Amino acid sequence: MSSFRYNRLNEEVKKTLSEIVREMKDPRISPMTTIMSAEVTNDQKWAKVNVSVYDKEMSVREETVQVLNQASGFIGHELGRRMEIRNIPKLKFILDSSIEYSVHISQILNEINSEKKQNEPDE
């Protein structure tokens, strides 16, 4: 499969999965769940889906990913129905902590800047 077509498929899978997850009514899925990326294998049998859950509790993040993996059959069926694709990949959801890391770095930078302002002499 060409690189352009492969990237287009990954983006379309990501967009469709985002819609499906947003519409799911399971209370165990955090409302702050974001599909970060989807990587479909060349043979279209598997798809690795990176999921970011913005919550302070690690247990909530892990439970959300676990519930998504348990519901992967339903999600895959919906993916095939909405995208009208012949080969529906088996989905594997993986927790992505890049947003939490970015927030953490931002907090550190804000603390450094506030300390710097406090230590500056008044003119």
Protein backbone atom coordinates (compact mmCIF):
# COMPACT_ATOMS: atom_id res chain seq x y z
CA MET A 1 0.00 0.00 0.00
CA SER A 2 1.36 3.44 -0.85
CA SER A 3 2.47 5.71 1.96
CA PHE A 4 -0.14 8.35 1.11
CA ARG A 5 -2.98 5.83 1.16
CA TYR A 6 -1.67 4.26 4.36
CA ASN A 7 -1.54 7.66 6.14
CA ARG A 8 -5.02 8.54 4.87
CA LEU A 9 -6.39 5.23 6.19
CA ASN A 10 -4.78 5.81 9.60
CA GLU A 11 -6.29 9.30 9.85
CA GLU A 12 -9.73 8.10 8.78
CA VAL A 13 -9.61 5.26 11.34
CA LYS A 14 -8.55 7.75 14.04
CA LYS A 15 -11.38 10.17 13.17
CA THR A 16 -14.02 7.43 13.07
CA LEU A 17 -12.83 5.86 16.33
CA SER A 18 -12.99 9.28 18.00
CA GLU A 19 -16.62 9.62 16.97
CA ILE A 20 -17.47 6.09 18.15
CA VAL A 21 -15.79 6.52 21.56
CA ARG A 22 -17.42 9.92 22.07
CA GLU A 23 -20.86 8.39 21.41
CA MET A 24 -20.37 5.42 23.76
CA LYS A 25 -22.49 5.65 26.87
CA ASP A 26 -20.37 3.50 29.20
CA PRO A 27 -19.87 5.43 32.49
CA ARG A 28 -16.46 3.76 32.97
CA ILE A 29 -15.08 5.62 29.95
CA SER A 30 -13.77 9.02 31.03
CA PRO A 31 -15.35 11.97 29.21
CA MET A 32 -11.81 13.36 28.74
CA THR A 33 -10.76 10.52 26.42
CA THR A 34 -8.96 11.42 23.20
CA ILE A 35 -7.80 9.17 20.37
CA MET A 36 -4.25 10.40 19.70
CA SER A 37 -3.31 8.13 16.79
CA ALA A 38 -4.19 4.92 15.00
CA GLU A 39 -1.64 2.76 13.22
CA VAL A 40 -3.10 0.08 10.97
CA THR A 41 -0.74 -2.68 9.85
CA ASN A 42 -0.05 -3.11 6.13
CA ASP A 43 -2.22 -6.24 5.95
CA GLN A 44 -5.02 -4.36 7.80
CA LYS A 45 -5.42 -7.12 10.38
CA TRP A 46 -4.39 -5.08 13.44
CA ALA A 47 -4.63 -1.48 14.54
CA LYS A 48 -2.73 0.01 17.47
CA VAL A 49 -4.72 2.92 18.88
CA ASN A 50 -3.06 5.39 21.27
CA VAL A 51 -5.57 6.80 23.72
CA SER A 52 -5.01 9.76 26.04
CA VAL A 53 -7.20 10.11 29.13
CA TYR A 54 -6.85 13.38 30.99
CA ASP A 55 -7.55 12.55 34.62
CA LYS A 56 -5.51 12.89 37.80
CA GLU A 57 -6.24 9.33 38.87
CA MET A 58 -4.13 6.70 37.12
CA SER A 59 -6.79 4.10 37.96
CA VAL A 60 -9.39 6.02 35.90
CA ARG A 61 -6.99 6.19 32.93
CA GLU A 62 -6.18 2.49 33.10
CA GLU A 63 -9.84 1.52 33.55
CA THR A 64 -10.85 3.57 30.50
CA VAL A 65 -8.27 1.81 28.32
CA GLN A 66 -9.28 -1.58 29.76
CA VAL A 67 -12.97 -0.92 28.98
CA LEU A 68 -12.08 0.16 25.43
CA ASN A 69 -10.10 -3.07 24.93
CA GLN A 70 -13.04 -5.10 26.26
CA ALA A 71 -15.40 -3.30 23.88
CA SER A 72 -13.02 -3.60 20.92
CA GLY A 73 -15.34 -6.07 19.16
CA PHE A 74 -18.26 -3.64 19.25
CA ILE A 75 -16.00 -0.70 18.33
CA GLY A 76 -14.50 -2.68 15.43
CA HIS A 77 -17.97 -3.60 14.16
CA GLU A 78 -19.01 0.07 14.26
CA LEU A 79 -15.75 1.06 12.54
CA GLY A 80 -16.43 -1.38 9.69
CA ARG A 81 -20.03 -0.24 9.35
CA ARG A 82 -19.21 3.47 9.27
CA MET A 83 -16.13 3.28 7.05
CA GLU A 84 -17.54 0.54 4.80
CA ILE A 85 -14.22 -1.31 4.66
CA ARG A 86 -13.82 -4.94 3.78
CA ASN A 87 -11.10 -5.85 6.27
CA ILE A 88 -11.85 -4.67 9.79
CA PRO A 89 -8.66 -4.56 11.88
CA LYS A 90 -8.57 -5.98 15.39
CA LEU A 91 -8.13 -3.02 17.73
CA LYS A 92 -5.58 -2.76 20.53
CA PHE A 93 -5.95 0.34 22.72
CA ILE A 94 -2.82 1.62 24.46
CA LEU A 95 -2.60 4.41 27.05
CA ASP A 96 -0.73 7.47 25.76
CA SER A 97 0.53 9.86 28.42
CA SER A 98 1.85 12.63 26.18
CA ILE A 99 -0.82 15.17 27.23
CA GLU A 100 -0.19 14.56 30.92
CA TYR A 101 3.54 14.94 30.30
CA SER A 102 2.97 18.23 28.46
CA VAL A 103 0.84 19.58 31.31
CA HIS A 104 3.52 18.54 33.81
CA ILE A 105 6.28 20.32 31.84
CA SER A 106 4.08 23.41 31.53
CA GLN A 107 3.56 23.49 35.31
CA ILE A 108 7.31 23.24 35.91
CA LEU A 109 7.99 26.09 33.49
CA ASN A 110 5.32 28.24 35.14
CA GLU A 111 6.88 27.60 38.57
CA ILE A 112 10.32 28.57 37.27
CA ASN A 113 8.96 31.77 35.72
CA SER A 114 7.10 32.74 38.91
CA GLU A 115 10.24 32.13 41.03
CA LYS A 116 12.26 34.21 38.58
CA LYS A 117 9.81 37.11 38.88
CA GLN A 118 9.87 36.93 42.68
CA ASN A 119 13.66 37.06 42.77
CA GLU A 120 13.97 40.06 40.43
CA PRO A 121 14.77 43.30 42.27
CA ASP A 122 12.17 46.05 42.03
CA GLU A 123 13.28 49.11 40.13
